[in-house]
Amino acid sequence: MRGVPSSLAIIGAGPAGIGLALALRQRLPEVSLEIYDAAIPRSTDDRPRIGESLPPGASARIEALGINAGRLLTDHLPFAGVSSLWGSPIPGHQDFWTAARGPGIHLDRTLFDHQLRQLAEAAGIAIHVGHRLVAVQSGDTADPAGSGSNSDMRLVFSCKGDAGNIHRKTVSCAFAVDASGVRAVLARRLGVARNILDRLVAISAILACPPEDCLMQGARGRLMAVRYGWWYAAPMPGGRWHVTLVSDRQAIRDQGLERNENWTRALEQASWLFAQLPAAVREGARAASLVHRSAPSAILSRVQGTNWLALGDAASSYDPLTSAGISKALEQADQAARVIAERAESGLCAPLARYEEAVFAAFRQYAVIRREFYQQAHARYPDAPFWRRRLGLAG
């Protein structure tokens, strides 16, 4: 093949980065693959991360990467559907069990990430942890014919040694992938702008629940719109529930929702959702340890260049309402593997440009659907500042 990169570096060891590495191992087995991640991986015995859900059909995304989805997802929790109180005072229900694609999955994220790392290591893919990207020297130029530059990209990492000492390491690669999440560290170092559609904040708690009580209400999520945002609650594997408030900084500041007592009071006042939580979860909320996360809707102005591309949340991040984070990451990992292999075959950059347009088109479609969904909540709370801000209305 012409243009086959001798080495490829992936920044980020989450589902997007590892998913891409596994897909590329099948398509370009001769290419040297290395993954670099700033974080030190958690033990599966550590305090659990806020969970995520895979929608129905996500197993097919996993299988497309050459992973046995049935084996991978055995230790996670089937996701039966969602009950919601959103644009109407009458609850609605979406049942996944009757869907042709089957149920979704409530993930134990710490375990899921650990499983993906094990799969990568079994495939001979090296994962370098504690490597924070601090500088990039790029050969990102393209000639008029659309063929790629032969200049390697040099990545400079700040690394933490076993003794705690900090040193720098420079890595040369023929192609680099930004799978670093919303931080988009590679794209940012390359000077690529990030276009923000909206900035939300998720304030979450993981609450223990006796296993015999955890699924009394069924393995389904609960979604409820309120004047200042929306609440979501769902069971997790291992006898836990996660409860999340999504709002914006102004509403959080105005109502003091970053403080535990106000967050708990607001949860109790969301009476429809609160009443459906197991008793242990309702009681535990009063002493919950809250986790704050930024939840932007955003997209890079470019998601590819001659010798790089971005995928997952690094390329485009969606509202947590979509539950699309991991499934989108896995889908884009498969797409990116295809175009990288096609670029290697042809030596041209056109496949990367098509990938970029697909990412842009998906984000445009997401923005339309998101607005339609938020219009429903605004119709219920037409004078609420939070919902007016979501639609770009004054006040």
Protein backbone atom coordinates (compact mmCIF):
# COMPACT_ATOMS: atom_id res chain seq x y z
CA MET A 1 0.00 0.00 0.00
CA ARG A 2 1.19 3.52 -0.70
CA GLY A 3 1.18 6.10 2.07
CA VAL A 4 0.88 3.59 4.92
CA PRO A 5 1.93 5.43 8.11
CA SER A 6 4.82 3.69 9.83
CA SER A 7 3.57 4.82 13.23
CA LEU A 8 0.37 6.24 14.63
CA ALA A 9 -0.10 7.95 18.00
CA ILE A 10 -3.49 8.20 19.69
CA ILE A 11 -3.97 10.82 22.40
CA GLY A 12 -6.53 9.50 24.88
CA ALA A 13 -7.24 6.02 26.24
CA GLY A 14 -11.02 6.28 26.50
CA PRO A 15 -13.59 4.43 24.37
CA ALA A 16 -12.81 6.58 21.30
CA GLY A 17 -9.05 6.09 21.44
CA ILE A 18 -9.03 2.41 22.33
CA GLY A 19 -11.91 1.69 19.95
CA LEU A 20 -9.92 3.24 17.11
CA ALA A 21 -6.77 1.34 18.05
CA LEU A 22 -8.62 -1.99 18.03
CA ALA A 23 -10.25 -1.23 14.67
CA LEU A 24 -6.92 -0.17 13.16
CA ARG A 25 -5.21 -3.29 14.45
CA GLN A 26 -7.57 -5.24 12.19
CA ARG A 27 -7.23 -2.96 9.15
CA LEU A 28 -3.55 -1.98 9.33
CA PRO A 29 -1.85 -4.70 11.38
CA GLU A 30 1.61 -3.64 10.18
CA VAL A 31 1.34 -0.12 11.63
CA SER A 32 2.90 0.65 15.01
CA LEU A 33 0.10 1.88 17.32
CA GLU A 34 0.77 3.70 20.59
CA ILE A 35 -1.80 5.27 22.94
CA TYR A 36 -0.85 8.14 25.28
CA ASP A 37 -3.09 9.20 28.15
CA ALA A 38 -2.63 11.92 30.76
CA ALA A 39 -4.48 10.02 33.48
CA ILE A 40 -3.37 7.13 35.63
CA PRO A 41 -6.00 4.38 35.24
CA ARG A 42 -8.27 3.73 38.19
CA SER A 43 -8.45 0.40 39.93
CA THR A 44 -11.83 -1.27 39.55
CA ASP A 45 -11.99 -1.08 43.36
CA ASP A 46 -11.75 2.73 43.34
CA ARG A 47 -14.71 4.99 43.96
CA PRO A 48 -16.92 4.45 40.90
CA ARG A 49 -17.22 7.02 38.14
CA ILE A 50 -20.52 8.55 37.14
CA GLY A 51 -22.06 5.96 34.87
CA GLU A 52 -23.18 6.23 31.30
CA SER A 53 -25.69 4.33 29.26
CA LEU A 54 -25.40 2.67 25.89
CA PRO A 55 -28.58 2.99 23.81
CA PRO A 56 -30.19 0.02 22.04
CA GLY A 57 -28.09 -1.18 19.15
CA ALA A 58 -24.78 -0.14 20.71
CA SER A 59 -23.68 -3.77 20.81
CA ALA A 60 -23.39 -3.62 17.03
CA ARG A 61 -20.97 -0.69 17.38
CA ILE A 62 -18.83 -2.76 19.71
CA GLU A 63 -18.92 -5.82 17.45
CA ALA A 64 -17.84 -3.64 14.50
CA LEU A 65 -14.57 -2.99 16.32
CA GLY A 66 -13.87 -6.71 16.55
CA ILE A 67 -14.97 -6.99 20.18
CA ASN A 68 -17.25 -9.73 21.52
CA ALA A 69 -19.99 -7.46 22.85
CA GLY A 70 -21.79 -10.22 24.73
CA ARG A 71 -18.70 -11.08 26.73
CA LEU A 72 -17.74 -7.43 27.30
CA LEU A 73 -21.16 -6.35 28.58
CA THR A 74 -21.97 -9.34 30.80
CA ASP A 75 -21.04 -7.51 34.01
CA HIS A 76 -23.10 -4.43 33.19
CA LEU A 77 -26.81 -3.79 33.65
CA PRO A 78 -29.50 -4.08 30.94
CA PHE A 79 -31.20 -0.73 30.35
CA ALA A 80 -34.96 -1.30 30.04
CA GLY A 81 -35.97 2.17 28.89
CA VAL A 82 -36.76 5.68 30.11
CA SER A 83 -39.74 7.15 31.95
CA SER A 84 -39.94 10.91 31.54
CA LEU A 85 -41.83 13.99 32.63
CA TRP A 86 -40.70 16.49 30.04
CA GLY A 87 -42.92 18.58 27.78
CA SER A 88 -46.15 17.50 29.44
CA PRO A 89 -47.37 16.97 33.02
CA ILE A 90 -48.29 13.44 31.95
CA PRO A 91 -45.40 10.93 32.19
CA GLY A 92 -44.20 9.21 29.05
CA HIS A 93 -42.45 5.87 28.70
CA GLN A 94 -39.96 4.51 26.18
CA ASP A 95 -39.62 0.73 26.48
CA PHE A 96 -36.42 -0.76 25.03
CA TRP A 97 -37.35 -4.39 25.66
CA THR A 98 -39.85 -4.33 22.81
CA ALA A 99 -37.47 -2.52 20.44
CA ALA A 100 -36.03 -4.54 17.58
CA ARG A 101 -32.48 -3.67 18.67
CA GLY A 102 -33.02 -4.89 22.23
CA PRO A 103 -32.29 -3.12 25.53
CA GLY A 104 -29.61 -0.57 26.22
CA ILE A 105 -26.90 -1.00 28.85
CA HIS A 106 -26.22 0.90 32.08
CA LEU A 107 -22.43 0.86 32.35
CA ASP A 108 -20.06 0.64 35.25
CA ARG A 109 -17.66 3.13 33.60
CA THR A 110 -14.62 2.24 35.68
CA LEU A 111 -15.06 -1.43 34.81
CA PHE A 112 -15.84 -0.68 31.15
CA ASP A 113 -12.69 1.42 30.75
CA HIS A 114 -10.65 -1.31 32.45
CA GLN A 115 -12.09 -3.92 30.07
CA LEU A 116 -11.20 -1.83 27.02
CA ARG A 117 -7.63 -1.42 28.26
CA GLN A 118 -7.33 -5.16 28.71
CA LEU A 119 -8.54 -5.72 25.14
CA ALA A 120 -5.99 -3.22 23.81
CA GLU A 121 -3.15 -4.82 25.73
CA ALA A 122 -4.22 -8.28 24.53
CA ALA A 123 -4.01 -6.94 20.96
CA GLY A 124 -0.43 -5.80 21.57
CA ILE A 125 -1.30 -2.09 21.72
CA ALA A 126 0.87 -0.14 24.16
CA ILE A 127 -0.87 2.35 26.46
CA HIS A 128 1.42 4.96 28.02
CA VAL A 129 -0.25 6.51 31.06
CA GLY A 130 0.72 9.70 32.85
CA HIS A 131 1.65 11.34 29.52
CA ARG A 132 0.28 14.88 29.21
CA LEU A 133 0.65 16.52 25.80
CA VAL A 134 2.36 19.92 26.17
CA ALA A 135 3.61 20.78 22.67
CA VAL A 136 3.24 19.75 19.04
CA GLN A 137 5.48 20.26 16.05
CA SER A 138 3.40 19.39 13.03
CA GLY A 139 4.14 18.73 9.38
CA ASP A 140 0.46 19.43 8.66
CA THR A 141 0.72 20.74 5.10
CA ALA A 142 -1.00 19.51 1.97
CA ASP A 143 0.00 19.91 -1.65
CA PRO A 144 -2.46 21.07 -4.32
CA ALA A 145 -2.97 17.52 -5.56
CA GLY A 146 -4.32 16.50 -2.17
CA SER A 147 -1.55 14.06 -1.31
CA GLY A 148 -0.22 13.92 2.21
CA SER A 149 2.96 15.45 3.54
CA ASN A 150 5.70 13.04 4.53
CA SER A 151 6.68 15.17 7.53
CA ASP A 152 6.32 13.39 10.84
CA MET A 153 4.49 15.01 13.71
CA ARG A 154 6.50 15.42 16.90
CA LEU A 155 4.54 15.24 20.13
CA VAL A 156 6.06 16.48 23.38
CA PHE A 157 4.72 14.93 26.57
CA SER A 158 5.21 15.81 30.21
CA CYS A 159 5.59 12.46 31.97
CA LYS A 160 5.46 11.50 35.61
CA GLY A 161 7.98 8.84 36.56
CA ASP A 162 7.57 6.08 39.14
CA ALA A 163 9.47 8.18 41.69
CA GLY A 164 7.20 11.17 41.08
CA ASN A 165 9.78 13.04 39.02
CA ILE A 166 8.58 14.97 35.96
CA HIS A 167 10.40 14.71 32.65
CA ARG A 168 9.65 15.43 29.01
CA LYS A 169 9.54 12.93 26.18
CA THR A 170 9.29 13.63 22.44
CA VAL A 171 7.51 11.11 20.22
CA SER A 172 7.60 11.19 16.42
CA CYS A 173 4.71 9.70 14.48
CA ALA A 174 3.49 9.71 10.90
CA PHE A 175 -0.13 10.27 11.97
CA ALA A 176 -1.76 11.44 15.22
CA VAL A 177 -5.31 11.13 16.51
CA ASP A 178 -6.95 13.37 19.09
CA ALA A 179 -9.22 11.22 21.26
CA SER A 180 -8.60 13.26 24.41
CA GLY A 181 -12.23 14.16 25.11
CA VAL A 182 -13.66 17.66 25.37
CA ARG A 183 -10.19 19.06 26.16
CA ALA A 184 -9.15 18.27 22.55
CA VAL A 185 -5.52 18.74 23.57
CA LEU A 186 -3.98 17.92 20.18
CA ALA A 187 -6.38 20.08 18.18
CA ARG A 188 -5.91 22.92 20.65
CA ARG A 189 -2.11 22.68 20.31
CA LEU A 190 -2.56 22.83 16.54
CA GLY A 191 -4.52 26.07 16.91
CA VAL A 192 -7.91 24.66 15.90
CA ALA A 193 -10.86 26.66 17.23
CA ARG A 194 -13.72 25.05 19.15
CA ASN A 195 -17.23 26.31 18.37
CA ILE A 196 -19.53 26.26 21.39
CA LEU A 197 -23.27 25.74 20.90
CA ASP A 198 -24.10 25.57 24.61
CA ARG A 199 -22.41 25.18 27.99
CA LEU A 200 -24.15 23.06 30.59
CA VAL A 201 -22.98 21.70 33.92
CA ALA A 202 -23.85 18.29 35.38
CA ILE A 203 -23.88 17.89 39.17
CA SER A 204 -24.06 14.22 40.07
CA ALA A 205 -23.99 11.83 42.98
CA ILE A 206 -23.51 8.07 43.17
CA LEU A 207 -25.65 6.62 45.93
CA ALA A 208 -25.56 3.15 47.45
CA CYS A 209 -28.64 0.98 47.42
CA PRO A 210 -29.21 -2.56 48.78
CA PRO A 211 -29.20 -4.95 45.81
CA GLU A 212 -32.65 -6.26 46.71
CA ASP A 213 -34.07 -2.71 46.51
CA CYS A 214 -31.98 -1.31 43.67
CA LEU A 215 -34.15 -2.63 40.85
CA MET A 216 -37.54 -2.55 42.57
CA GLN A 217 -38.52 0.27 40.22
CA GLY A 218 -37.06 -1.55 37.20
CA ALA A 219 -33.80 -1.02 35.33
CA ARG A 220 -34.95 2.14 33.58
CA GLY A 221 -33.86 5.74 33.69
CA ARG A 222 -35.98 8.62 34.95
CA LEU A 223 -35.88 12.00 33.23
CA MET A 224 -37.66 15.12 34.49
CA ALA A 225 -37.59 18.70 33.23
CA VAL A 226 -37.77 21.44 35.87
CA ARG A 227 -37.64 25.22 35.60
CA TYR A 228 -33.87 25.42 36.11
CA GLY A 229 -32.77 22.40 34.02
CA TRP A 230 -33.43 18.70 34.20
CA TRP A 231 -32.85 15.70 36.45
CA TYR A 232 -31.84 12.21 35.42
CA ALA A 233 -31.58 9.14 37.64
CA ALA A 234 -30.81 5.51 36.82
CA PRO A 235 -29.54 2.33 38.47
CA MET A 236 -25.94 1.25 37.99
CA PRO A 237 -24.30 -2.16 38.28
CA GLY A 238 -23.22 -3.17 41.77
CA GLY A 239 -26.14 -1.85 43.82
CA ARG A 240 -25.77 1.87 43.08
CA TRP A 241 -27.80 4.67 41.54
CA HIS A 242 -26.53 7.82 39.92
CA VAL A 243 -28.60 10.97 40.20
CA THR A 244 -27.71 13.99 38.06
CA LEU A 245 -28.89 17.56 37.77
CA VAL A 246 -28.07 19.30 34.48
CA SER A 247 -28.31 23.08 34.44
CA ASP A 248 -26.17 26.08 33.46
CA ARG A 249 -23.78 28.16 35.53
CA GLN A 250 -26.17 31.07 35.90
CA ALA A 251 -29.05 28.96 37.25
CA ILE A 252 -26.67 27.05 39.53
CA ARG A 253 -25.25 30.31 40.87
CA ASP A 254 -28.69 31.94 41.27
CA GLN A 255 -30.07 29.03 43.31
CA GLY A 256 -26.88 27.88 45.01
CA LEU A 257 -27.27 24.41 43.51
CA GLU A 258 -23.56 23.66 43.86
CA ARG A 259 -24.14 23.28 47.62
CA ASN A 260 -25.24 19.87 48.82
CA GLU A 261 -28.18 21.08 50.91
CA ASN A 262 -29.65 23.09 48.02
CA TRP A 263 -29.02 20.29 45.49
CA THR A 264 -30.78 17.83 47.81
CA ARG A 265 -33.69 20.20 48.43
CA ALA A 266 -34.13 20.69 44.69
CA LEU A 267 -34.09 16.91 44.18
CA GLU A 268 -36.77 16.44 46.83
CA GLN A 269 -38.88 19.14 45.17
CA ALA A 270 -38.66 17.26 41.86
CA SER A 271 -41.35 15.14 43.45
CA TRP A 272 -42.27 12.87 40.52
CA LEU A 273 -38.68 11.67 40.06
CA PHE A 274 -37.81 11.69 43.77
CA ALA A 275 -40.76 9.44 44.62
CA GLN A 276 -39.48 6.77 42.21
CA LEU A 277 -36.04 6.50 43.79
CA PRO A 278 -35.40 3.60 46.18
CA ALA A 279 -35.70 4.60 49.83
CA ALA A 280 -31.96 4.16 50.46
CA VAL A 281 -31.17 6.50 47.56
CA ARG A 282 -33.59 9.15 48.81
CA GLU A 283 -32.05 8.97 52.26
CA GLY A 284 -28.46 8.90 50.99
CA ALA A 285 -28.95 12.03 48.90
CA ARG A 286 -28.79 14.17 52.04
CA ALA A 287 -25.13 13.27 52.57
CA ALA A 288 -24.14 12.83 48.94
CA SER A 289 -20.70 13.71 47.65
CA LEU A 290 -21.33 15.80 44.55
CA VAL A 291 -19.28 15.63 41.35
CA HIS A 292 -19.32 18.61 38.97
CA ARG A 293 -18.68 18.12 35.24
CA SER A 294 -18.72 20.48 32.31
CA ALA A 295 -21.15 19.32 29.61
CA PRO A 296 -20.68 21.48 26.51
CA SER A 297 -22.28 21.07 23.12
CA ALA A 298 -19.39 21.96 20.83
CA ILE A 299 -17.54 21.07 17.64
CA LEU A 300 -14.07 21.81 16.31
CA SER A 301 -13.79 24.12 13.31
CA ARG A 302 -11.64 21.38 11.74
CA VAL A 303 -11.53 17.72 12.71
CA GLN A 304 -8.74 16.62 10.37
CA GLY A 305 -5.53 17.66 8.67
CA THR A 306 -2.93 16.01 6.48
CA ASN A 307 -1.53 13.89 9.30
CA TRP A 308 -4.10 14.08 12.09
CA LEU A 309 -7.77 13.77 12.92
CA ALA A 310 -10.02 14.10 15.96
CA LEU A 311 -12.84 11.83 17.07
CA GLY A 312 -15.25 11.32 19.93
CA ASP A 313 -15.79 14.26 22.26
CA ALA A 314 -12.54 15.82 21.06
CA ALA A 315 -14.17 16.34 17.65
CA SER A 316 -17.72 17.07 18.80
CA SER A 317 -19.45 16.84 22.16
CA TYR A 318 -23.18 16.40 22.62
CA ASP A 319 -25.65 17.25 25.36
CA PRO A 320 -25.75 14.50 28.04
CA LEU A 321 -29.48 14.28 27.32
CA THR A 322 -28.59 12.23 24.24
CA SER A 323 -26.66 9.51 26.14
CA ALA A 324 -24.58 9.44 22.96
CA GLY A 325 -21.07 9.94 24.33
CA ILE A 326 -19.77 6.37 24.17
CA SER A 327 -21.86 5.14 21.25
CA LYS A 328 -20.78 8.18 19.18
CA ALA A 329 -17.16 7.57 20.16
CA LEU A 330 -17.36 3.95 19.02
CA GLU A 331 -19.13 4.85 15.78
CA GLN A 332 -16.55 7.51 14.94
CA ALA A 333 -13.74 5.11 15.87
CA ASP A 334 -14.99 2.71 13.20
CA GLN A 335 -15.39 5.56 10.67
CA ALA A 336 -11.93 6.93 11.44
CA ALA A 337 -10.30 3.51 11.07
CA ARG A 338 -11.89 3.16 7.64
CA VAL A 339 -10.71 6.55 6.38
CA ILE A 340 -7.20 6.18 7.81
CA ALA A 341 -6.91 2.84 6.03
CA GLU A 342 -8.32 4.37 2.83
CA ARG A 343 -5.87 7.25 3.06
CA ALA A 344 -3.06 4.73 3.50
CA GLU A 345 -4.23 2.87 0.39
CA SER A 346 -4.62 5.96 -1.81
CA GLY A 347 -2.04 8.33 -0.37
CA LEU A 348 -4.66 11.10 -0.71
CA CYS A 349 -6.35 13.31 1.89
CA ALA A 350 -9.84 13.11 0.35
CA PRO A 351 -10.97 10.32 2.74
CA LEU A 352 -10.14 12.55 5.71
CA ALA A 353 -12.20 15.38 4.21
CA ARG A 354 -15.18 13.04 3.81
CA TYR A 355 -14.82 11.98 7.43
CA GLU A 356 -14.86 15.63 8.49
CA GLU A 357 -18.04 16.34 6.53
CA ALA A 358 -19.70 13.29 8.14
CA VAL A 359 -18.82 14.62 11.61
CA PHE A 360 -20.13 18.09 10.69
CA ALA A 361 -23.35 16.65 9.22
CA ALA A 362 -24.00 14.54 12.32
CA PHE A 363 -23.53 17.59 14.55
CA ARG A 364 -25.93 19.68 12.45
CA GLN A 365 -28.55 16.95 12.76
CA TYR A 366 -27.93 16.70 16.50
CA ALA A 367 -28.37 20.48 16.91
CA VAL A 368 -31.76 20.36 15.18
CA ILE A 369 -33.02 17.43 17.27
CA ARG A 370 -31.70 18.99 20.48
CA ARG A 371 -33.49 22.26 19.79
CA GLU A 372 -36.77 20.46 19.05
CA PHE A 373 -36.51 18.53 22.30
CA TYR A 374 -35.70 21.64 24.32
CA GLN A 375 -38.61 23.50 22.71
CA GLN A 376 -40.92 20.93 24.31
CA ALA A 377 -39.61 21.76 27.78
CA HIS A 378 -39.73 25.50 27.02
CA ALA A 379 -43.41 25.14 26.09
CA ARG A 380 -44.00 23.79 29.59
CA TYR A 381 -41.91 26.51 31.27
CA PRO A 382 -42.16 29.43 28.79
CA ASP A 383 -41.01 32.10 31.26
CA ALA A 384 -38.14 30.09 32.80
CA PRO A 385 -34.79 31.82 32.09
CA PHE A 386 -32.93 28.51 31.77
CA TRP A 387 -35.10 27.27 28.91
CA ARG A 388 -35.20 30.68 27.24
CA ARG A 389 -31.39 30.73 27.24
CA ARG A 390 -31.30 27.30 25.59
CA LEU A 391 -33.33 28.68 22.68
CA GLY A 392 -31.44 31.97 22.45
CA LEU A 393 -34.37 34.05 23.70
CA ALA A 394 -33.89 37.24 25.69
CA GLY A 395 -34.04 36.90 29.47
